[in-house]
Amino acid sequence: MNIAFLAHDKKKELMVQFCTAYKSVLMKHSLFATATTGRLIADNTGLPITLLLSHKQGGHQQINARIAYNEIDLVLLFTDPNTTDPWDDSQMIETIRACDKHNVPIATNLASAEMSIMGLQRGDLDWREMVRSKPRF
């Protein structure tokens, strides 16, 4: 499975802790992340991660495009509910909408991320392989 990671600044440490806790599950999959989040995860866990652009330089758009082309199977997006930056909020909402439109599971907090990873480990997301291999035209 292809998993994308995004995190608000105040949630990056939580994302690193999450990836450390579930390293044995995540190492079996292809991982993608915006630049800062991905670098922190890779440096602290040793997991191989494809780094995309930073959030402000278009990393969200890169992930959204991969979602639209069924190249992402799960998104872990740790948001800070106290953020006051409307641009950040609009970027997060775009990613959530892309996931909704293309039927890609998304977790926006620790509880839903843990449920998603446990489901991934059990094989509950194997149906994504059929969606990914289906021709888009």
C-alpha atoms as a PDB file:
ATOM      1  CA  MET A   1       0.000   0.000   0.000  1.00  0.00           C
ATOM      2  CA  ASN A   2       1.016   3.607  -0.575  1.00  0.00           C
ATOM      3  CA  ILE A   3       0.652   5.730   2.545  1.00  0.00           C
ATOM      4  CA  ALA A   4       0.901   9.536   2.684  1.00  0.00           C
ATOM      5  CA  PHE A   5       1.843  11.496   5.809  1.00  0.00           C
ATOM      6  CA  LEU A   6       1.077  15.149   6.480  1.00  0.00           C
ATOM      7  CA  ALA A   7       1.142  16.999   9.794  1.00  0.00           C
ATOM      8  CA  HIS A   8       0.667  20.512  11.091  1.00  0.00           C
ATOM      9  CA  ASP A   9       3.788  21.848  12.810  1.00  0.00           C
ATOM     10  CA  LYS A  10       2.409  21.235  16.296  1.00  0.00           C
ATOM     11  CA  LYS A  11       1.569  17.623  15.376  1.00  0.00           C
ATOM     12  CA  LYS A  12       4.843  16.587  13.731  1.00  0.00           C
ATOM     13  CA  GLU A  13       6.304  15.134  16.935  1.00  0.00           C
ATOM     14  CA  LEU A  14       3.121  13.097  17.443  1.00  0.00           C
ATOM     15  CA  MET A  15       3.448  11.808  13.865  1.00  0.00           C
ATOM     16  CA  VAL A  16       7.050  10.745  14.549  1.00  0.00           C
ATOM     17  CA  GLN A  17       5.950   8.943  17.738  1.00  0.00           C
ATOM     18  CA  PHE A  18       3.133   7.245  15.834  1.00  0.00           C
ATOM     19  CA  CYS A  19       5.498   6.065  13.095  1.00  0.00           C
ATOM     20  CA  THR A  20       7.968   4.828  15.702  1.00  0.00           C
ATOM     21  CA  ALA A  21       5.226   2.818  17.421  1.00  0.00           C
ATOM     22  CA  TYR A  22       3.994   1.280  14.155  1.00  0.00           C
ATOM     23  CA  LYS A  23       7.323   0.983  12.356  1.00  0.00           C
ATOM     24  CA  SER A  24       6.941  -2.780  11.932  1.00  0.00           C
ATOM     25  CA  VAL A  25       3.672  -2.269  10.045  1.00  0.00           C
ATOM     26  CA  LEU A  26       4.796   0.775   8.047  1.00  0.00           C
ATOM     27  CA  MET A  27       8.051  -0.791   6.833  1.00  0.00           C
ATOM     28  CA  LYS A  28       6.017  -3.179   4.643  1.00  0.00           C
ATOM     29  CA  HIS A  29       4.514  -0.320   2.628  1.00  0.00           C
ATOM     30  CA  SER A  30       5.560   2.577   0.383  1.00  0.00           C
ATOM     31  CA  LEU A  31       5.604   5.842   2.305  1.00  0.00           C
ATOM     32  CA  PHE A  32       5.246   9.404   1.029  1.00  0.00           C
ATOM     33  CA  ALA A  33       5.314  12.670   2.951  1.00  0.00           C
ATOM     34  CA  THR A  34       5.696  16.382   2.629  1.00  0.00           C
ATOM     35  CA  ALA A  35       9.334  17.419   3.090  1.00  0.00           C
ATOM     36  CA  THR A  36       9.618  18.398   6.757  1.00  0.00           C
ATOM     37  CA  THR A  37       7.266  15.741   8.076  1.00  0.00           C
ATOM     38  CA  GLY A  38       8.933  13.057   5.967  1.00  0.00           C
ATOM     39  CA  ARG A  39      12.446  14.076   6.970  1.00  0.00           C
ATOM     40  CA  LEU A  40      11.522  13.979  10.658  1.00  0.00           C
ATOM     41  CA  ILE A  41       9.951  10.537  10.285  1.00  0.00           C
ATOM     42  CA  ALA A  42      12.896   9.157   8.297  1.00  0.00           C
ATOM     43  CA  ASP A  43      15.533  10.624  10.630  1.00  0.00           C
ATOM     44  CA  ASN A  44      13.826   9.310  13.758  1.00  0.00           C
ATOM     45  CA  THR A  45      12.629   5.905  12.540  1.00  0.00           C
ATOM     46  CA  GLY A  46      14.908   4.929   9.668  1.00  0.00           C
ATOM     47  CA  LEU A  47      11.845   4.259   7.497  1.00  0.00           C
ATOM     48  CA  PRO A  48      12.380   4.928   3.780  1.00  0.00           C
ATOM     49  CA  ILE A  49      10.094   7.764   2.730  1.00  0.00           C
ATOM     50  CA  THR A  50       9.633   9.451  -0.615  1.00  0.00           C
ATOM     51  CA  LEU A  51       9.908  13.152   0.170  1.00  0.00           C
ATOM     52  CA  LEU A  52       7.656  15.510  -1.724  1.00  0.00           C
ATOM     53  CA  LEU A  53       7.755  19.290  -1.686  1.00  0.00           C
ATOM     54  CA  SER A  54       7.201  21.118   1.565  1.00  0.00           C
ATOM     55  CA  HIS A  55       3.652  22.011   2.514  1.00  0.00           C
ATOM     56  CA  LYS A  56       4.069  25.681   1.520  1.00  0.00           C
ATOM     57  CA  GLN A  57       5.766  24.799  -1.791  1.00  0.00           C
ATOM     58  CA  GLY A  58       3.028  22.472  -3.017  1.00  0.00           C
ATOM     59  CA  GLY A  59       3.471  19.176  -1.166  1.00  0.00           C
ATOM     60  CA  HIS A  60      -0.247  19.030  -0.457  1.00  0.00           C
ATOM     61  CA  GLN A  61      -0.999  19.427  -4.149  1.00  0.00           C
ATOM     62  CA  GLN A  62       1.421  16.622  -4.987  1.00  0.00           C
ATOM     63  CA  ILE A  63      -0.340  14.318  -2.542  1.00  0.00           C
ATOM     64  CA  ASN A  64      -3.760  15.411  -3.801  1.00  0.00           C
ATOM     65  CA  ALA A  65      -2.709  14.622  -7.381  1.00  0.00           C
ATOM     66  CA  ARG A  66      -1.521  11.161  -6.330  1.00  0.00           C
ATOM     67  CA  ILE A  67      -4.851  10.630  -4.573  1.00  0.00           C
ATOM     68  CA  ALA A  68      -6.706  11.620  -7.766  1.00  0.00           C
ATOM     69  CA  TYR A  69      -4.691   9.071  -9.771  1.00  0.00           C
ATOM     70  CA  ASN A  70      -5.281   6.316  -7.189  1.00  0.00           C
ATOM     71  CA  GLU A  71      -1.600   6.245  -6.283  1.00  0.00           C
ATOM     72  CA  ILE A  72      -2.263   6.736  -2.548  1.00  0.00           C
ATOM     73  CA  ASP A  73      -4.173   4.139  -0.511  1.00  0.00           C
ATOM     74  CA  LEU A  74      -4.200   5.747   2.932  1.00  0.00           C
ATOM     75  CA  VAL A  75      -3.621   9.285   4.194  1.00  0.00           C
ATOM     76  CA  LEU A  76      -2.519  10.100   7.730  1.00  0.00           C
ATOM     77  CA  LEU A  77      -3.089  13.821   8.228  1.00  0.00           C
ATOM     78  CA  PHE A  78      -2.487  14.977  11.788  1.00  0.00           C
ATOM     79  CA  THR A  79      -4.174  18.343  12.127  1.00  0.00           C
ATOM     80  CA  ASP A  80      -3.922  20.988  14.816  1.00  0.00           C
ATOM     81  CA  PRO A  81      -7.493  21.999  15.676  1.00  0.00           C
ATOM     82  CA  ASN A  82      -6.169  25.252  17.157  1.00  0.00           C
ATOM     83  CA  THR A  83      -4.507  26.499  13.974  1.00  0.00           C
ATOM     84  CA  THR A  84      -5.541  29.981  12.937  1.00  0.00           C
ATOM     85  CA  ASP A  85      -3.959  29.981   9.479  1.00  0.00           C
ATOM     86  CA  PRO A  86      -6.773  29.965   6.899  1.00  0.00           C
ATOM     87  CA  TRP A  87      -4.341  28.831   4.161  1.00  0.00           C
ATOM     88  CA  ASP A  88      -3.381  25.761   6.218  1.00  0.00           C
ATOM     89  CA  ASP A  89      -7.042  25.009   6.827  1.00  0.00           C
ATOM     90  CA  SER A  90      -7.900  25.284   3.142  1.00  0.00           C
ATOM     91  CA  GLN A  91      -5.034  22.929   2.210  1.00  0.00           C
ATOM     92  CA  MET A  92      -6.181  20.338   4.747  1.00  0.00           C
ATOM     93  CA  ILE A  93      -9.770  20.585   3.550  1.00  0.00           C
ATOM     94  CA  GLU A  94      -8.632  20.062  -0.061  1.00  0.00           C
ATOM     95  CA  THR A  95      -6.850  16.858   0.930  1.00  0.00           C
ATOM     96  CA  ILE A  96      -9.846  15.613   2.916  1.00  0.00           C
ATOM     97  CA  ARG A  97     -12.123  16.350  -0.060  1.00  0.00           C
ATOM     98  CA  ALA A  98      -9.757  14.579  -2.460  1.00  0.00           C
ATOM     99  CA  CYS A  99      -9.858  11.509  -0.209  1.00  0.00           C
ATOM    100  CA  ASP A 100     -13.648  11.656  -0.012  1.00  0.00           C
ATOM    101  CA  LYS A 101     -13.987  12.068  -3.782  1.00  0.00           C
ATOM    102  CA  HIS A 102     -11.657   9.172  -4.592  1.00  0.00           C
ATOM    103  CA  ASN A 103     -12.639   6.886  -1.709  1.00  0.00           C
ATOM    104  CA  VAL A 104      -9.238   6.948  -0.014  1.00  0.00           C
ATOM    105  CA  PRO A 105      -9.262   6.313   3.751  1.00  0.00           C
ATOM    106  CA  ILE A 106      -7.974   9.288   5.764  1.00  0.00           C
ATOM    107  CA  ALA A 107      -7.154   9.669   9.441  1.00  0.00           C
ATOM    108  CA  THR A 108      -6.933  13.153  10.935  1.00  0.00           C
ATOM    109  CA  ASN A 109      -6.047  12.292  14.516  1.00  0.00           C
ATOM    110  CA  LEU A 110      -4.184   9.695  16.554  1.00  0.00           C
ATOM    111  CA  ALA A 111      -7.251   7.555  17.319  1.00  0.00           C
ATOM    112  CA  SER A 112      -8.381   7.224  13.697  1.00  0.00           C
ATOM    113  CA  ALA A 113      -4.763   6.695  12.564  1.00  0.00           C
ATOM    114  CA  GLU A 114      -4.356   3.786  14.980  1.00  0.00           C
ATOM    115  CA  MET A 115      -7.604   2.237  13.757  1.00  0.00           C
ATOM    116  CA  SER A 116      -6.447   2.635  10.147  1.00  0.00           C
ATOM    117  CA  ILE A 117      -3.041   1.070  10.803  1.00  0.00           C
ATOM    118  CA  MET A 118      -4.580  -1.835  12.684  1.00  0.00           C
ATOM    119  CA  GLY A 119      -6.978  -2.359   9.766  1.00  0.00           C
ATOM    120  CA  LEU A 120      -4.085  -2.156   7.327  1.00  0.00           C
ATOM    121  CA  GLN A 121      -2.223  -4.791   9.330  1.00  0.00           C
ATOM    122  CA  ARG A 122      -5.286  -7.096   9.297  1.00  0.00           C
ATOM    123  CA  GLY A 123      -5.759  -6.685   5.549  1.00  0.00           C
ATOM    124  CA  ASP A 124      -8.900  -4.555   5.770  1.00  0.00           C
ATOM    125  CA  LEU A 125      -7.538  -2.186   3.117  1.00  0.00           C
ATOM    126  CA  ASP A 126      -6.635  -4.860   0.566  1.00  0.00           C
ATOM    127  CA  TRP A 127      -9.597  -3.717  -1.536  1.00  0.00           C
ATOM    128  CA  ARG A 128      -7.490  -0.651  -2.444  1.00  0.00           C
ATOM    129  CA  GLU A 129      -5.281  -2.888  -4.602  1.00  0.00           C
ATOM    130  CA  MET A 130      -8.269  -3.570  -6.882  1.00  0.00           C
ATOM    131  CA  VAL A 131      -9.111   0.135  -7.084  1.00  0.00           C
ATOM    132  CA  ARG A 132      -5.482   1.041  -7.820  1.00  0.00           C
ATOM    133  CA  SER A 133      -5.114  -1.531 -10.603  1.00  0.00           C
ATOM    134  CA  LYS A 134      -8.392  -0.607 -12.297  1.00  0.00           C
ATOM    135  CA  PRO A 135      -7.885   1.462 -15.477  1.00  0.00           C
ATOM    136  CA  ARG A 136      -9.035   5.072 -15.058  1.00  0.00           C
ATOM    137  CA  PHE A 137     -10.235   5.505 -18.658  1.00  0.00           C
END
